[in-house]
Full PDB file with SEQRES, HELIX, SHEET, SSBOND, CRYST1, ORIGX, SCALE, CONECT and MASTER records, all heavy atoms in Angstrom:
SEQRES   1 A   40  THR GLU GLU GLU ALA ILE ARG HIS GLN PHE HIS GLY SER          
SEQRES   2 A   40  PRO THR ILE LEU VAL ASP GLY VAL ASP LEU GLU GLY ALA          
SEQRES   3 A   40  SER ILE ALA ARG GLU GLY TYR ARG LEU ARG CYS ARG VAL          
SEQRES   4 A   40  TYR                                                          
HELIX    1 AA1 GLU A    2  ARG A    7  1                                   6    
HELIX    2 AA2 ALA A   26  GLU A   31  5                                   6    
SHEET    1 AA1 2 LEU A  17  VAL A  18  0                                        
SHEET    2 AA1 2 VAL A  21  ASP A  22 -1                                        
CRYST1    1.000    1.000    1.000  90.00  90.00  90.00 P 1           1          
ORIGX1      1.000000  0.000000  0.000000        0.00000                         
ORIGX2      0.000000  1.000000  0.000000        0.00000                         
ORIGX3      0.000000  0.000000  1.000000        0.00000                         
SCALE1      1.000000  0.000000  0.000000        0.00000                         
SCALE2      0.000000  1.000000  0.000000        0.00000                         
SCALE3      0.000000  0.000000  1.000000        0.00000                         
ATOM      1  N   THR A   1       2.001  -0.488  27.406  1.00  0.00           N  
ATOM      2  CA  THR A   1       3.336  -0.751  26.843  1.00  0.00           C  
ATOM      3  C   THR A   1       3.219  -1.372  25.451  1.00  0.00           C  
ATOM      4  O   THR A   1       2.180  -1.945  25.099  1.00  0.00           O  
ATOM      5  CB  THR A   1       4.147  -1.723  27.732  1.00  0.00           C  
ATOM      6  OG1 THR A   1       3.522  -3.023  27.680  1.00  0.00           O  
ATOM      7  CG2 THR A   1       4.236  -1.234  29.166  1.00  0.00           C  
ATOM      8  N   GLU A   2       4.275  -1.280  24.684  1.00  0.00           N  
ATOM      9  CA  GLU A   2       4.308  -1.901  23.357  1.00  0.00           C  
ATOM     10  C   GLU A   2       4.134  -3.418  23.469  1.00  0.00           C  
ATOM     11  O   GLU A   2       3.485  -4.033  22.628  1.00  0.00           O  
ATOM     12  CB  GLU A   2       5.618  -1.566  22.634  1.00  0.00           C  
ATOM     13  CG  GLU A   2       5.796  -0.101  22.307  1.00  0.00           C  
ATOM     14  CD  GLU A   2       4.844   0.432  21.238  1.00  0.00           C  
ATOM     15  OE1 GLU A   2       4.312  -0.357  20.430  1.00  0.00           O  
ATOM     16  OE2 GLU A   2       4.644   1.657  21.213  1.00  0.00           O  
ATOM     17  N   GLU A   3       4.705  -4.015  24.512  1.00  0.00           N  
ATOM     18  CA  GLU A   3       4.581  -5.460  24.717  1.00  0.00           C  
ATOM     19  C   GLU A   3       3.125  -5.845  24.935  1.00  0.00           C  
ATOM     20  O   GLU A   3       2.652  -6.855  24.408  1.00  0.00           O  
ATOM     21  CB  GLU A   3       5.439  -5.917  25.908  1.00  0.00           C  
ATOM     22  CG  GLU A   3       6.927  -5.791  25.671  1.00  0.00           C  
ATOM     23  CD  GLU A   3       7.457  -4.357  25.823  1.00  0.00           C  
ATOM     24  OE1 GLU A   3       6.798  -3.521  26.474  1.00  0.00           O  
ATOM     25  OE2 GLU A   3       8.527  -4.070  25.255  1.00  0.00           O  
ATOM     26  N   GLU A   4       2.402  -5.049  25.731  1.00  0.00           N  
ATOM     27  CA  GLU A   4       0.975  -5.317  25.952  1.00  0.00           C  
ATOM     28  C   GLU A   4       0.187  -5.130  24.652  1.00  0.00           C  
ATOM     29  O   GLU A   4      -0.742  -5.886  24.380  1.00  0.00           O  
ATOM     30  CB  GLU A   4       0.410  -4.391  27.036  1.00  0.00           C  
ATOM     31  CG  GLU A   4       0.918  -4.709  28.414  1.00  0.00           C  
ATOM     32  CD  GLU A   4       0.523  -3.666  29.451  1.00  0.00           C  
ATOM     33  OE1 GLU A   4       0.251  -2.499  29.087  1.00  0.00           O  
ATOM     34  OE2 GLU A   4       0.497  -4.036  30.634  1.00  0.00           O  
ATOM     35  N   ALA A   5       0.569  -4.144  23.858  1.00  0.00           N  
ATOM     36  CA  ALA A   5      -0.103  -3.905  22.576  1.00  0.00           C  
ATOM     37  C   ALA A   5       0.010  -5.142  21.683  1.00  0.00           C  
ATOM     38  O   ALA A   5      -0.979  -5.567  21.073  1.00  0.00           O  
ATOM     39  CB  ALA A   5       0.494  -2.681  21.886  1.00  0.00           C  
ATOM     40  N   ILE A   6       1.173  -5.727  21.621  1.00  0.00           N  
ATOM     41  CA  ILE A   6       1.377  -6.927  20.809  1.00  0.00           C  
ATOM     42  C   ILE A   6       0.609  -8.103  21.389  1.00  0.00           C  
ATOM     43  O   ILE A   6      -0.103  -8.807  20.671  1.00  0.00           O  
ATOM     44  CB  ILE A   6       2.884  -7.248  20.691  1.00  0.00           C  
ATOM     45  CG1 ILE A   6       3.581  -6.143  19.883  1.00  0.00           C  
ATOM     46  CG2 ILE A   6       3.108  -8.618  20.061  1.00  0.00           C  
ATOM     47  CD1 ILE A   6       5.090  -6.165  19.981  1.00  0.00           C  
ATOM     48  N   ARG A   7       0.730  -8.310  22.682  1.00  0.00           N  
ATOM     49  CA  ARG A   7       0.083  -9.452  23.341  1.00  0.00           C  
ATOM     50  C   ARG A   7      -1.437  -9.420  23.184  1.00  0.00           C  
ATOM     51  O   ARG A   7      -2.077 -10.452  23.001  1.00  0.00           O  
ATOM     52  CB  ARG A   7       0.474  -9.503  24.820  1.00  0.00           C  
ATOM     53  CG  ARG A   7      -0.105 -10.707  25.552  1.00  0.00           C  
ATOM     54  CD  ARG A   7       0.440 -10.911  26.965  1.00  0.00           C  
ATOM     55  NE  ARG A   7       0.201  -9.782  27.838  1.00  0.00           N  
ATOM     56  CZ  ARG A   7       1.157  -8.964  28.324  1.00  0.00           C  
ATOM     57  NH1 ARG A   7       2.423  -9.173  28.000  1.00  0.00           N  
ATOM     58  NH2 ARG A   7       0.858  -7.979  29.125  1.00  0.00           N  
ATOM     59  N   HIS A   8      -2.038  -8.235  23.211  1.00  0.00           N  
ATOM     60  CA  HIS A   8      -3.501  -8.113  23.173  1.00  0.00           C  
ATOM     61  C   HIS A   8      -4.051  -7.738  21.797  1.00  0.00           C  
ATOM     62  O   HIS A   8      -5.232  -7.440  21.666  1.00  0.00           O  
ATOM     63  CB  HIS A   8      -3.971  -7.086  24.205  1.00  0.00           C  
ATOM     64  CG  HIS A   8      -3.788  -7.524  25.610  1.00  0.00           C  
ATOM     65  ND1 HIS A   8      -4.573  -8.486  26.206  1.00  0.00           N  
ATOM     66  CD2 HIS A   8      -2.889  -7.143  26.554  1.00  0.00           C  
ATOM     67  CE1 HIS A   8      -4.185  -8.673  27.447  1.00  0.00           C  
ATOM     68  NE2 HIS A   8      -3.159  -7.877  27.691  1.00  0.00           N  
ATOM     69  N   GLN A   9      -3.206  -7.736  20.761  1.00  0.00           N  
ATOM     70  CA  GLN A   9      -3.622  -7.400  19.394  1.00  0.00           C  
ATOM     71  C   GLN A   9      -4.289  -6.023  19.350  1.00  0.00           C  
ATOM     72  O   GLN A   9      -5.391  -5.839  18.852  1.00  0.00           O  
ATOM     73  CB  GLN A   9      -4.559  -8.474  18.834  1.00  0.00           C  
ATOM     74  CG  GLN A   9      -3.917  -9.824  18.773  1.00  0.00           C  
ATOM     75  CD  GLN A   9      -4.858 -10.899  18.277  1.00  0.00           C  
ATOM     76  OE1 GLN A   9      -6.032 -10.687  18.080  1.00  0.00           O  
ATOM     77  NE2 GLN A   9      -4.310 -12.078  18.078  1.00  0.00           N  
ATOM     78  N   PHE A  10      -3.548  -5.045  19.848  1.00  0.00           N  
ATOM     79  CA  PHE A  10      -4.021  -3.677  20.003  1.00  0.00           C  
ATOM     80  C   PHE A  10      -3.673  -2.843  18.781  1.00  0.00           C  
ATOM     81  O   PHE A  10      -2.515  -2.600  18.486  1.00  0.00           O  
ATOM     82  CB  PHE A  10      -3.366  -3.088  21.267  1.00  0.00           C  
ATOM     83  CG  PHE A  10      -3.778  -1.701  21.631  1.00  0.00           C  
ATOM     84  CD1 PHE A  10      -5.050  -1.440  22.103  1.00  0.00           C  
ATOM     85  CD2 PHE A  10      -2.878  -0.656  21.536  1.00  0.00           C  
ATOM     86  CE1 PHE A  10      -5.418  -0.156  22.477  1.00  0.00           C  
ATOM     87  CE2 PHE A  10      -3.234   0.629  21.910  1.00  0.00           C  
ATOM     88  CZ  PHE A  10      -4.507   0.877  22.375  1.00  0.00           C  
ATOM     89  N   HIS A  11      -4.695  -2.387  18.063  1.00  0.00           N  
ATOM     90  CA  HIS A  11      -4.500  -1.609  16.834  1.00  0.00           C  
ATOM     91  C   HIS A  11      -4.561  -0.114  17.078  1.00  0.00           C  
ATOM     92  O   HIS A  11      -4.549   0.657  16.126  1.00  0.00           O  
ATOM     93  CB  HIS A  11      -5.562  -1.985  15.805  1.00  0.00           C  
ATOM     94  CG  HIS A  11      -5.457  -3.395  15.352  1.00  0.00           C  
ATOM     95  ND1 HIS A  11      -4.460  -3.849  14.518  1.00  0.00           N  
ATOM     96  CD2 HIS A  11      -6.217  -4.483  15.632  1.00  0.00           C  
ATOM     97  CE1 HIS A  11      -4.618  -5.131  14.295  1.00  0.00           C  
ATOM     98  NE2 HIS A  11      -5.669  -5.540  14.961  1.00  0.00           N  
ATOM     99  N   GLY A  12      -4.670   0.292  18.307  1.00  0.00           N  
ATOM    100  CA  GLY A  12      -4.766   1.707  18.643  1.00  0.00           C  
ATOM    101  C   GLY A  12      -5.920   1.919  19.595  1.00  0.00           C  
ATOM    102  O   GLY A  12      -6.796   1.072  19.753  1.00  0.00           O  
ATOM    103  N   SER A  13      -5.907   3.065  20.226  1.00  0.00           N  
ATOM    104  CA  SER A  13      -6.883   3.344  21.278  1.00  0.00           C  
ATOM    105  C   SER A  13      -8.060   4.154  20.765  1.00  0.00           C  
ATOM    106  O   SER A  13      -7.869   5.207  20.153  1.00  0.00           O  
ATOM    107  CB  SER A  13      -6.193   4.119  22.401  1.00  0.00           C  
ATOM    108  OG  SER A  13      -7.022   4.231  23.516  1.00  0.00           O  
ATOM    109  N   PRO A  14      -9.269   3.604  20.993  1.00  0.00           N  
ATOM    110  CA  PRO A  14      -9.629   2.311  21.583  1.00  0.00           C  
ATOM    111  C   PRO A  14      -9.773   1.215  20.524  1.00  0.00           C  
ATOM    112  O   PRO A  14     -10.067   1.492  19.373  1.00  0.00           O  
ATOM    113  CB  PRO A  14     -10.975   2.603  22.231  1.00  0.00           C  
ATOM    114  CG  PRO A  14     -11.599   3.631  21.348  1.00  0.00           C  
ATOM    115  CD  PRO A  14     -10.453   4.458  20.812  1.00  0.00           C  
ATOM    116  N   THR A  15      -9.567  -0.022  20.942  1.00  0.00           N  
ATOM    117  CA  THR A  15      -9.764  -1.195  20.100  1.00  0.00           C  
ATOM    118  C   THR A  15     -10.838  -2.067  20.734  1.00  0.00           C  
ATOM    119  O   THR A  15     -10.834  -2.268  21.946  1.00  0.00           O  
ATOM    120  CB  THR A  15      -8.448  -2.000  19.954  1.00  0.00           C  
ATOM    121  OG1 THR A  15      -7.547  -1.253  19.128  1.00  0.00           O  
ATOM    122  CG2 THR A  15      -8.673  -3.358  19.335  1.00  0.00           C  
ATOM    123  N   ILE A  16     -11.738  -2.567  19.901  1.00  0.00           N  
ATOM    124  CA  ILE A  16     -12.786  -3.482  20.373  1.00  0.00           C  
ATOM    125  C   ILE A  16     -12.623  -4.795  19.630  1.00  0.00           C  
ATOM    126  O   ILE A  16     -12.577  -4.815  18.395  1.00  0.00           O  
ATOM    127  CB  ILE A  16     -14.194  -2.896  20.137  1.00  0.00           C  
ATOM    128  CG1 ILE A  16     -14.355  -1.567  20.885  1.00  0.00           C  
ATOM    129  CG2 ILE A  16     -15.270  -3.905  20.575  1.00  0.00           C  
ATOM    130  CD1 ILE A  16     -15.619  -0.806  20.556  1.00  0.00           C  
ATOM    131  N   LEU A  17     -12.515  -5.871  20.393  1.00  0.00           N  
ATOM    132  CA  LEU A  17     -12.400  -7.212  19.828  1.00  0.00           C  
ATOM    133  C   LEU A  17     -13.645  -8.009  20.184  1.00  0.00           C  
ATOM    134  O   LEU A  17     -14.061  -8.031  21.347  1.00  0.00           O  
ATOM    135  CB  LEU A  17     -11.169  -7.928  20.379  1.00  0.00           C  
ATOM    136  CG  LEU A  17      -9.817  -7.225  20.224  1.00  0.00           C  
ATOM    137  CD1 LEU A  17      -8.722  -8.029  20.934  1.00  0.00           C  
ATOM    138  CD2 LEU A  17      -9.473  -7.028  18.758  1.00  0.00           C  
ATOM    139  N   VAL A  18     -14.255  -8.654  19.200  1.00  0.00           N  
ATOM    140  CA  VAL A  18     -15.397  -9.541  19.410  1.00  0.00           C  
ATOM    141  C   VAL A  18     -14.900 -10.955  19.160  1.00  0.00           C  
ATOM    142  O   VAL A  18     -14.519 -11.292  18.045  1.00  0.00           O  
ATOM    143  CB  VAL A  18     -16.574  -9.187  18.475  1.00  0.00           C  
ATOM    144  CG1 VAL A  18     -17.717 -10.179  18.656  1.00  0.00           C  
ATOM    145  CG2 VAL A  18     -17.054  -7.760  18.723  1.00  0.00           C  
ATOM    146  N   ASP A  19     -14.863 -11.739  20.215  1.00  0.00           N  
ATOM    147  CA  ASP A  19     -14.281 -13.085  20.163  1.00  0.00           C  
ATOM    148  C   ASP A  19     -12.892 -13.069  19.528  1.00  0.00           C  
ATOM    149  O   ASP A  19     -12.550 -13.904  18.702  1.00  0.00           O  
ATOM    150  CB  ASP A  19     -15.208 -14.061  19.446  1.00  0.00           C  
ATOM    151  CG  ASP A  19     -16.324 -14.556  20.347  1.00  0.00           C  
ATOM    152  OD1 ASP A  19     -16.271 -14.311  21.571  1.00  0.00           O  
ATOM    153  OD2 ASP A  19     -17.254 -15.191  19.835  1.00  0.00           O  
ATOM    154  N   GLY A  20     -12.105 -12.058  19.914  1.00  0.00           N  
ATOM    155  CA  GLY A  20     -10.727 -11.972  19.473  1.00  0.00           C  
ATOM    156  C   GLY A  20     -10.526 -11.352  18.100  1.00  0.00           C  
ATOM    157  O   GLY A  20      -9.397 -11.244  17.628  1.00  0.00           O  
ATOM    158  N   VAL A  21     -11.611 -10.944  17.430  1.00  0.00           N  
ATOM    159  CA  VAL A  21     -11.528 -10.366  16.089  1.00  0.00           C  
ATOM    160  C   VAL A  21     -11.815  -8.872  16.172  1.00  0.00           C  
ATOM    161  O   VAL A  21     -12.818  -8.451  16.739  1.00  0.00           O  
ATOM    162  CB  VAL A  21     -12.536 -11.046  15.130  1.00  0.00           C  
ATOM    163  CG1 VAL A  21     -12.466 -10.427  13.744  1.00  0.00           C  
ATOM    164  CG2 VAL A  21     -12.270 -12.543  15.054  1.00  0.00           C  
ATOM    165  N   ASP A  22     -10.935  -8.065  15.584  1.00  0.00           N  
ATOM    166  CA  ASP A  22     -11.119  -6.621  15.567  1.00  0.00           C  
ATOM    167  C   ASP A  22     -12.379  -6.248  14.802  1.00  0.00           C  
ATOM    168  O   ASP A  22     -12.763  -6.926  13.848  1.00  0.00           O  
ATOM    169  CB  ASP A  22      -9.896  -5.973  14.898  1.00  0.00           C  
ATOM    170  CG  ASP A  22      -9.902  -4.464  15.030  1.00  0.00           C  
ATOM    171  OD1 ASP A  22      -9.351  -3.956  16.022  1.00  0.00           O  
ATOM    172  OD2 ASP A  22     -10.477  -3.797  14.145  1.00  0.00           O  
ATOM    173  N   LEU A  23     -13.038  -5.166  15.221  1.00  0.00           N  
ATOM    174  CA  LEU A  23     -14.249  -4.704  14.541  1.00  0.00           C  
ATOM    175  C   LEU A  23     -14.055  -4.526  13.044  1.00  0.00           C  
ATOM    176  O   LEU A  23     -14.964  -4.759  12.263  1.00  0.00           O  
ATOM    177  CB  LEU A  23     -14.708  -3.347  15.111  1.00  0.00           C  
ATOM    178  CG  LEU A  23     -15.261  -3.304  16.515  1.00  0.00           C  
ATOM    179  CD1 LEU A  23     -15.700  -1.878  16.846  1.00  0.00           C  
ATOM    180  CD2 LEU A  23     -16.413  -4.269  16.685  1.00  0.00           C  
ATOM    181  N   GLU A  24     -12.884  -4.055  12.640  1.00  0.00           N  
ATOM    182  CA  GLU A  24     -12.633  -3.807  11.231  1.00  0.00           C  
ATOM    183  C   GLU A  24     -12.081  -5.033  10.505  1.00  0.00           C  
ATOM    184  O   GLU A  24     -11.693  -4.947   9.347  1.00  0.00           O  
ATOM    185  CB  GLU A  24     -11.703  -2.603  11.061  1.00  0.00           C  
ATOM    186  CG  GLU A  24     -12.380  -1.326  11.521  1.00  0.00           C  
ATOM    187  CD  GLU A  24     -11.575  -0.073  11.263  1.00  0.00           C  
ATOM    188  OE1 GLU A  24     -10.405  -0.020  11.693  1.00  0.00           O  
ATOM    189  OE2 GLU A  24     -12.118   0.843  10.646  1.00  0.00           O  
ATOM    190  N   GLY A  25     -12.062  -6.171  11.178  1.00  0.00           N  
ATOM    191  CA  GLY A  25     -11.676  -7.420  10.547  1.00  0.00           C  
ATOM    192  C   GLY A  25     -10.185  -7.695  10.573  1.00  0.00           C  
ATOM    193  O   GLY A  25      -9.384  -6.908  11.066  1.00  0.00           O  
ATOM    194  N   ALA A  26      -9.824  -8.809  10.002  1.00  0.00           N  
ATOM    195  CA  ALA A  26      -8.434  -9.272  10.026  1.00  0.00           C  
ATOM    196  C   ALA A  26      -7.513  -8.412   9.176  1.00  0.00           C  
ATOM    197  O   ALA A  26      -6.305  -8.366   9.408  1.00  0.00           O  
ATOM    198  CB  ALA A  26      -8.369 -10.715   9.566  1.00  0.00           C  
ATOM    199  N   SER A  27      -8.037  -7.713   8.192  1.00  0.00           N  
ATOM    200  CA  SER A  27      -7.179  -6.929   7.300  1.00  0.00           C  
ATOM    201  C   SER A  27      -6.459  -5.801   8.032  1.00  0.00           C  
ATOM    202  O   SER A  27      -5.410  -5.341   7.591  1.00  0.00           O  
ATOM    203  CB  SER A  27      -7.993  -6.343   6.149  1.00  0.00           C  
ATOM    204  OG  SER A  27      -8.949  -5.423   6.637  1.00  0.00           O  
ATOM    205  N   ILE A  28      -6.984  -5.368   9.163  1.00  0.00           N  
ATOM    206  CA  ILE A  28      -6.344  -4.285   9.914  1.00  0.00           C  
ATOM    207  C   ILE A  28      -5.003  -4.730  10.489  1.00  0.00           C  
ATOM    208  O   ILE A  28      -4.148  -3.914  10.774  1.00  0.00           O  
ATOM    209  CB  ILE A  28      -7.261  -3.738  11.011  1.00  0.00           C  
ATOM    210  CG1 ILE A  28      -6.662  -2.481  11.618  1.00  0.00           C  
ATOM    211  CG2 ILE A  28      -7.490  -4.732  12.099  1.00  0.00           C  
ATOM    212  CD1 ILE A  28      -7.573  -1.351  11.741  1.00  0.00           C  
ATOM    213  N   ALA A  29      -4.780  -6.030  10.630  1.00  0.00           N  
ATOM    214  CA  ALA A  29      -3.551  -6.559  11.218  1.00  0.00           C  
ATOM    215  C   ALA A  29      -2.306  -6.129  10.451  1.00  0.00           C  
ATOM    216  O   ALA A  29      -1.220  -6.081  11.010  1.00  0.00           O  
ATOM    217  CB  ALA A  29      -3.617  -8.076  11.315  1.00  0.00           C  
ATOM    218  N   ARG A  30      -2.462  -5.789   9.193  1.00  0.00           N  
ATOM    219  CA  ARG A  30      -1.279  -5.404   8.420  1.00  0.00           C  
ATOM    220  C   ARG A  30      -0.621  -4.139   8.955  1.00  0.00           C  
ATOM    221  O   ARG A  30       0.525  -3.869   8.682  1.00  0.00           O  
ATOM    222  CB  ARG A  30      -1.640  -5.232   6.958  1.00  0.00           C  
ATOM    223  CG  ARG A  30      -2.575  -4.088   6.743  1.00  0.00           C  
ATOM    224  CD  ARG A  30      -3.068  -3.983   5.355  1.00  0.00           C  
ATOM    225  NE  ARG A  30      -4.261  -3.158   5.492  1.00  0.00           N  
ATOM    226  CZ  ARG A  30      -5.056  -2.836   4.554  1.00  0.00           C  
ATOM    227  NH1 ARG A  30      -4.848  -3.251   3.359  1.00  0.00           N  
ATOM    228  NH2 ARG A  30      -6.102  -2.091   4.777  1.00  0.00           N  
ATOM    229  N   GLU A  31      -1.358  -3.332   9.707  1.00  0.00           N  
ATOM    230  CA  GLU A  31      -0.796  -2.112  10.285  1.00  0.00           C  
ATOM    231  C   GLU A  31      -0.017  -2.388  11.570  1.00  0.00           C  
ATOM    232  O   GLU A  31       0.660  -1.512  12.074  1.00  0.00           O  
ATOM    233  CB  GLU A  31      -1.900  -1.089  10.538  1.00  0.00           C  
ATOM    234  CG  GLU A  31      -2.548  -0.602   9.261  1.00  0.00           C  
ATOM    235  CD  GLU A  31      -3.605   0.439   9.518  1.00  0.00           C  
ATOM    236  OE1 GLU A  31      -3.560   1.096  10.576  1.00  0.00           O  
ATOM    237  OE2 GLU A  31      -4.482   0.585   8.659  1.00  0.00           O  
ATOM    238  N   GLY A  32      -0.134  -3.579  12.097  1.00  0.00           N  
ATOM    239  CA  GLY A  32       0.615  -3.960  13.279  1.00  0.00           C  
ATOM    240  C   GLY A  32      -0.016  -3.494  14.574  1.00  0.00           C  
ATOM    241  O   GLY A  32      -1.009  -2.792  14.592  1.00  0.00           O  
ATOM    242  N   TYR A  33       0.594  -3.940  15.661  1.00  0.00           N  
ATOM    243  CA  TYR A  33       0.101  -3.646  16.997  1.00  0.00           C  
ATOM    244  C   TYR A  33       1.077  -2.696  17.676  1.00  0.00           C  
ATOM    245  O   TYR A  33       2.250  -3.007  17.795  1.00  0.00           O  
ATOM    246  CB  TYR A  33      -0.017  -4.932  17.818  1.00  0.00           C  
ATOM    247  CG  TYR A  33      -0.787  -6.029  17.129  1.00  0.00           C  
ATOM    248  CD1 TYR A  33      -0.209  -7.266  16.899  1.00  0.00           C  
ATOM    249  CD2 TYR A  33      -2.091  -5.822  16.699  1.00  0.00           C  
ATOM    250  CE1 TYR A  33      -0.913  -8.280  16.278  1.00  0.00           C  
ATOM    251  CE2 TYR A  33      -2.801  -6.822  16.073  1.00  0.00           C  
ATOM    252  CZ  TYR A  33      -2.210  -8.064  15.866  1.00  0.00           C  
ATOM    253  OH  TYR A  33      -2.906  -9.058  15.246  1.00  0.00           O  
ATOM    254  N   ARG A  34       0.578  -1.536  18.120  1.00  0.00           N  
ATOM    255  CA  ARG A  34       1.444  -0.598  18.834  1.00  0.00           C  
ATOM    256  C   ARG A  34       0.603   0.460  19.540  1.00  0.00           C  
ATOM    257  O   ARG A  34      -0.578   0.612  19.265  1.00  0.00           O  
ATOM    258  CB  ARG A  34       2.452   0.034  17.904  1.00  0.00           C  
ATOM    259  CG  ARG A  34       1.876   0.871  16.803  1.00  0.00           C  
ATOM    260  CD  ARG A  34       3.008   1.444  15.944  1.00  0.00           C  
ATOM    261  NE  ARG A  34       2.520   2.518  15.138  1.00  0.00           N  
ATOM    262  CZ  ARG A  34       2.229   2.428  13.856  1.00  0.00           C  
ATOM    263  NH1 ARG A  34       2.405   1.289  13.239  1.00  0.00           N  
ATOM    264  NH2 ARG A  34       1.773   3.464  13.194  1.00  0.00           N  
ATOM    265  N   LEU A  35       1.257   1.182  20.428  1.00  0.00           N  
ATOM    266  CA  LEU A  35       0.601   2.272  21.149  1.00  0.00           C  
ATOM    267  C   LEU A  35       0.387   3.431  20.181  1.00  0.00           C  
ATOM    268  O   LEU A  35       1.350   3.943  19.596  1.00  0.00           O  
ATOM    269  CB  LEU A  35       1.452   2.729  22.329  1.00  0.00           C  
ATOM    270  CG  LEU A  35       1.625   1.734  23.469  1.00  0.00           C  
ATOM    271  CD1 LEU A  35       2.554   2.326  24.524  1.00  0.00           C  
ATOM    272  CD2 LEU A  35       0.291   1.377  24.082  1.00  0.00           C  
ATOM    273  N   ARG A  36      -0.857   3.807  19.990  1.00  0.00           N  
ATOM    274  CA  ARG A  36      -1.209   4.934  19.120  1.00  0.00           C  
ATOM    275  C   ARG A  36      -2.707   5.197  19.250  1.00  0.00           C  
ATOM    276  O   ARG A  36      -3.454   4.381  19.772  1.00  0.00           O  
ATOM    277  CB  ARG A  36      -0.864   4.644  17.669  1.00  0.00           C  
ATOM    278  CG  ARG A  36      -1.679   3.499  17.111  1.00  0.00           C  
ATOM    279  CD  ARG A  36      -1.419   3.277  15.646  1.00  0.00           C  
ATOM    280  NE  ARG A  36      -2.058   2.025  15.256  1.00  0.00           N  
ATOM    281  CZ  ARG A  36      -1.605   1.207  14.359  1.00  0.00           C  
ATOM    282  NH1 ARG A  36      -0.492   1.480  13.736  1.00  0.00           N  
ATOM    283  NH2 ARG A  36      -2.245   0.110  14.057  1.00  0.00           N  
ATOM    284  N   CYS A  37      -3.136   6.322  18.718  1.00  0.00           N  
ATOM    285  CA  CYS A  37      -4.560   6.627  18.654  1.00  0.00           C  
ATOM    286  C   CYS A  37      -5.162   5.846  17.491  1.00  0.00           C  
ATOM    287  O   CYS A  37      -4.491   5.593  16.491  1.00  0.00           O  
ATOM    288  CB  CYS A  37      -4.792   8.113  18.444  1.00  0.00           C  
ATOM    289  SG  CYS A  37      -4.299   9.114  19.854  1.00  0.00           S  
ATOM    290  N   ARG A  38      -6.404   5.493  17.635  1.00  0.00           N  
ATOM    291  CA  ARG A  38      -7.113   4.732  16.604  1.00  0.00           C  
ATOM    292  C   ARG A  38      -7.965   5.667  15.764  1.00  0.00           C  
ATOM    293  O   ARG A  38      -8.603   6.577  16.283  1.00  0.00           O  
ATOM    294  CB  ARG A  38      -8.008   3.696  17.299  1.00  0.00           C  
ATOM    295  CG  ARG A  38      -8.890   2.854  16.399  1.00  0.00           C  
ATOM    296  CD  ARG A  38      -8.092   1.729  15.789  1.00  0.00           C  
ATOM    297  NE  ARG A  38      -8.901   0.908  14.917  1.00  0.00           N  
ATOM    298  CZ  ARG A  38      -9.217  -0.358  15.162  1.00  0.00           C  
ATOM    299  NH1 ARG A  38      -8.846  -0.935  16.279  1.00  0.00           N  
ATOM    300  NH2 ARG A  38      -9.922  -1.049  14.295  1.00  0.00           N  
ATOM    301  N   VAL A  39      -7.998   5.438  14.471  1.00  0.00           N  
ATOM    302  CA  VAL A  39      -8.908   6.129  13.566  1.00  0.00           C  
ATOM    303  C   VAL A  39      -9.687   5.047  12.834  1.00  0.00           C  
ATOM    304  O   VAL A  39      -9.096   4.203  12.147  1.00  0.00           O  
ATOM    305  CB  VAL A  39      -8.157   7.021  12.555  1.00  0.00           C  
ATOM    306  CG1 VAL A  39      -9.126   7.615  11.547  1.00  0.00           C  
ATOM    307  CG2 VAL A  39      -7.378   8.109  13.275  1.00  0.00           C  
ATOM    308  N   TYR A  40     -11.005   5.047  13.003  1.00  0.00           N  
ATOM    309  CA  TYR A  40     -11.853   4.048  12.364  1.00  0.00           C  
ATOM    310  C   TYR A  40     -12.250   4.499  10.964  1.00  0.00           C  
ATOM    311  O   TYR A  40     -12.571   5.665  10.756  1.00  0.00           O  
ATOM    312  CB  TYR A  40     -13.109   3.790  13.206  1.00  0.00           C  
ATOM    313  CG  TYR A  40     -12.826   2.939  14.408  1.00  0.00           C  
ATOM    314  CD1 TYR A  40     -12.490   3.509  15.631  1.00  0.00           C  
ATOM    315  CD2 TYR A  40     -12.863   1.556  14.318  1.00  0.00           C  
ATOM    316  CE1 TYR A  40     -12.206   2.719  16.735  1.00  0.00           C  
ATOM    317  CE2 TYR A  40     -12.576   0.754  15.420  1.00  0.00           C  
ATOM    318  CZ  TYR A  40     -12.256   1.346  16.615  1.00  0.00           C  
ATOM    319  OH  TYR A  40     -11.968   0.559  17.701  1.00  0.00           O  
TER     320      TYR A  40                                                      
MASTER        0    0    0    2    2    0    0    6  319    1    0    4          
END                                                                             
């Protein structure tokens, strides 16, 4: 759900967080959290 995406800082599928930080760093947060496919 969109609510889960926001709660878990989900940038798209799949997302990997290391100690709560996205692999691509904090700058990815500007795209927001939502249900979508991920492109690295």
